[in-house]
Structures are given as C-alpha cells and as structure tokens.
Amino acid sequence: MKTTFYPRGTCSTRYDIELEAGVIKSLTIEDGCDGNLQGIRKLITGRPAREVIPLLRGIRCGWKDTSCPDQIAIALEEALQKEARA
C-alpha cells in the first residue's frame, strides 16, 4: 500500500511510503538533509514499521520539538493504520 505524508516542523516536505504487510518497501523524501535521509532510508527499508517506529519516535532536531526521523515515525504510524483499514 502506498501513502503520502506531509511532515510538519522539518526541512523535508513530503514522504511517499510503500508498506507491504507492515514492512517498509520504500520511502521517498522530498527536501531535507539528503545524506542523512538517504542513510535513514537504507537503514529502515525492508524492516517492519513496528520495529522502526520506536527507534525514530521522539528524536528532536536542535531546539525543535520534532525532526525528520520523528516525522517518519509518525508517517509510518499513519501508514500502518491505513493499511489495517484497507
């Protein structure tokens, strides 16, 4: 299942996520810190979203209350909910 998420409070502006039975098949990110986000994508692709969410949830970027990893966790939570309803 594919879904799009628009993060808030980060430099990245859009996440396109593909899940298959709860496993992250792909994550495309627009804008943000390219090298860091490439690393995150490589680390999480192929892993169950439920494993990844607690690793990324709550990470802050400097003085901000959120970060790209935190927003990815939120996006994955929403994607899992959508997948469960489908």
Foldseek 3Di string as FASTA:
>chain_A
DWDKDADPPEQWGIWIFDDDPQATQFIDIHGDDVVVVVVVGVVRHGHGLVVQLVVQAQDDDPPDRHYPSNRVSVVSVVVVVVVVVD
